[in-house]
Amino acid sequence: MATSFANVVNVLSTNEEFSLLFGTNQTWNLIEAEELTVELENRIMLTPHAAKRLSALLTARIAEFEQRCGKINI
């Protein structure tokens, strides 16, 4: 199993699949930068059924985390 770090994520979908795109922000000073640079490193493809299960799992784990550590602000 490989381990990667990501601080940027995006999700695309079609009728047949969900694509989760993971990457890292390469722009250190957002105030001075003209644009945000992201290095995309991993793409995970899921069926709609698997994407829905992932959503449910993440929702439950985030709720548990926020009970222990406090609310996550986005």
C-alpha atoms as a PDB file:
ATOM      1  CA  MET A   1       0.000   0.000   0.000  1.00  0.00           C
ATOM      2  CA  ALA A   2       1.282   3.481  -0.848  1.00  0.00           C
ATOM      3  CA  THR A   3       0.767   6.493   1.400  1.00  0.00           C
ATOM      4  CA  SER A   4       0.343  10.008  -0.024  1.00  0.00           C
ATOM      5  CA  PHE A   5      -0.393  13.435   1.452  1.00  0.00           C
ATOM      6  CA  ALA A   6      -2.973  15.785  -0.064  1.00  0.00           C
ATOM      7  CA  ASN A   7      -4.226  19.210   0.975  1.00  0.00           C
ATOM      8  CA  VAL A   8      -6.295  19.725  -2.181  1.00  0.00           C
ATOM      9  CA  VAL A   9      -9.086  17.478  -3.438  1.00  0.00           C
ATOM     10  CA  ASN A  10     -11.616  17.712  -6.252  1.00  0.00           C
ATOM     11  CA  VAL A  11     -14.363  15.353  -7.396  1.00  0.00           C
ATOM     12  CA  LEU A  12     -15.640  14.801 -10.926  1.00  0.00           C
ATOM     13  CA  SER A  13     -18.427  12.452 -11.925  1.00  0.00           C
ATOM     14  CA  THR A  14     -20.141  10.832 -14.874  1.00  0.00           C
ATOM     15  CA  ASN A  15     -23.096   8.449 -14.974  1.00  0.00           C
ATOM     16  CA  GLU A  16     -20.677   5.537 -14.534  1.00  0.00           C
ATOM     17  CA  GLU A  17     -17.913   6.722 -12.185  1.00  0.00           C
ATOM     18  CA  PHE A  18     -16.624   9.243  -9.679  1.00  0.00           C
ATOM     19  CA  SER A  19     -13.061  10.539  -9.979  1.00  0.00           C
ATOM     20  CA  LEU A  20     -11.384  11.817  -6.813  1.00  0.00           C
ATOM     21  CA  LEU A  21      -8.360  13.985  -7.648  1.00  0.00           C
ATOM     22  CA  PHE A  22      -5.809  14.520  -4.871  1.00  0.00           C
ATOM     23  CA  GLY A  23      -2.869  16.894  -4.895  1.00  0.00           C
ATOM     24  CA  THR A  24      -0.769  19.385  -2.985  1.00  0.00           C
ATOM     25  CA  ASN A  25      -0.838  23.162  -3.085  1.00  0.00           C
ATOM     26  CA  GLN A  26       2.450  24.480  -4.500  1.00  0.00           C
ATOM     27  CA  THR A  27       1.653  28.177  -3.935  1.00  0.00           C
ATOM     28  CA  TRP A  28       3.229  29.367  -0.690  1.00  0.00           C
ATOM     29  CA  ASN A  29       2.055  32.988  -0.677  1.00  0.00           C
ATOM     30  CA  LEU A  30      -1.548  33.219  -1.893  1.00  0.00           C
ATOM     31  CA  ILE A  31      -1.641  37.020  -1.411  1.00  0.00           C
ATOM     32  CA  GLU A  32       1.242  37.699  -3.818  1.00  0.00           C
ATOM     33  CA  ALA A  33       0.638  34.831  -6.254  1.00  0.00           C
ATOM     34  CA  GLU A  34      -1.297  35.513  -9.425  1.00  0.00           C
ATOM     35  CA  GLU A  35      -2.677  31.985  -9.505  1.00  0.00           C
ATOM     36  CA  LEU A  36      -2.891  28.871  -7.373  1.00  0.00           C
ATOM     37  CA  THR A  37      -0.628  26.032  -8.475  1.00  0.00           C
ATOM     38  CA  VAL A  38      -1.617  22.497  -7.502  1.00  0.00           C
ATOM     39  CA  GLU A  39       0.378  19.370  -8.254  1.00  0.00           C
ATOM     40  CA  LEU A  40      -2.149  16.586  -8.862  1.00  0.00           C
ATOM     41  CA  GLU A  41      -0.640  13.332  -7.651  1.00  0.00           C
ATOM     42  CA  ASN A  42      -3.378  10.701  -7.364  1.00  0.00           C
ATOM     43  CA  ARG A  43      -6.683   9.889  -9.001  1.00  0.00           C
ATOM     44  CA  ILE A  44      -9.045   7.370  -7.447  1.00  0.00           C
ATOM     45  CA  MET A  45     -11.877   6.038  -9.581  1.00  0.00           C
ATOM     46  CA  LEU A  46     -15.044   4.798  -7.823  1.00  0.00           C
ATOM     47  CA  THR A  47     -18.368   3.394  -8.895  1.00  0.00           C
ATOM     48  CA  PRO A  48     -21.331   5.542  -7.789  1.00  0.00           C
ATOM     49  CA  HIS A  49     -22.189   2.852  -5.203  1.00  0.00           C
ATOM     50  CA  ALA A  50     -18.673   2.903  -3.721  1.00  0.00           C
ATOM     51  CA  ALA A  51     -18.652   6.731  -3.748  1.00  0.00           C
ATOM     52  CA  LYS A  52     -21.883   6.787  -1.728  1.00  0.00           C
ATOM     53  CA  ARG A  53     -20.416   4.332   0.809  1.00  0.00           C
ATOM     54  CA  LEU A  54     -17.296   6.507   1.070  1.00  0.00           C
ATOM     55  CA  SER A  55     -19.477   9.567   1.683  1.00  0.00           C
ATOM     56  CA  ALA A  56     -21.340   7.805   4.499  1.00  0.00           C
ATOM     57  CA  LEU A  57     -18.098   6.594   6.092  1.00  0.00           C
ATOM     58  CA  LEU A  58     -16.480  10.037   5.918  1.00  0.00           C
ATOM     59  CA  THR A  59     -19.575  11.703   7.374  1.00  0.00           C
ATOM     60  CA  ALA A  60     -19.540   9.308  10.337  1.00  0.00           C
ATOM     61  CA  ARG A  61     -15.777   9.610  10.961  1.00  0.00           C
ATOM     62  CA  ILE A  62     -15.888  13.422  10.747  1.00  0.00           C
ATOM     63  CA  ALA A  63     -18.751  13.526  13.267  1.00  0.00           C
ATOM     64  CA  GLU A  64     -16.708  11.355  15.649  1.00  0.00           C
ATOM     65  CA  PHE A  65     -13.626  13.539  15.161  1.00  0.00           C
ATOM     66  CA  GLU A  66     -15.588  16.742  15.835  1.00  0.00           C
ATOM     67  CA  GLN A  67     -16.980  15.266  19.052  1.00  0.00           C
ATOM     68  CA  ARG A  68     -13.438  14.582  20.272  1.00  0.00           C
ATOM     69  CA  CYS A  69     -11.586  17.599  18.867  1.00  0.00           C
ATOM     70  CA  GLY A  70     -14.143  20.316  18.100  1.00  0.00           C
ATOM     71  CA  LYS A  71     -15.806  21.563  14.951  1.00  0.00           C
ATOM     72  CA  ILE A  72     -13.836  21.752  11.724  1.00  0.00           C
ATOM     73  CA  ASN A  73     -14.292  25.131  10.016  1.00  0.00           C
ATOM     74  CA  ILE A  74     -14.172  25.233   6.229  1.00  0.00           C
END
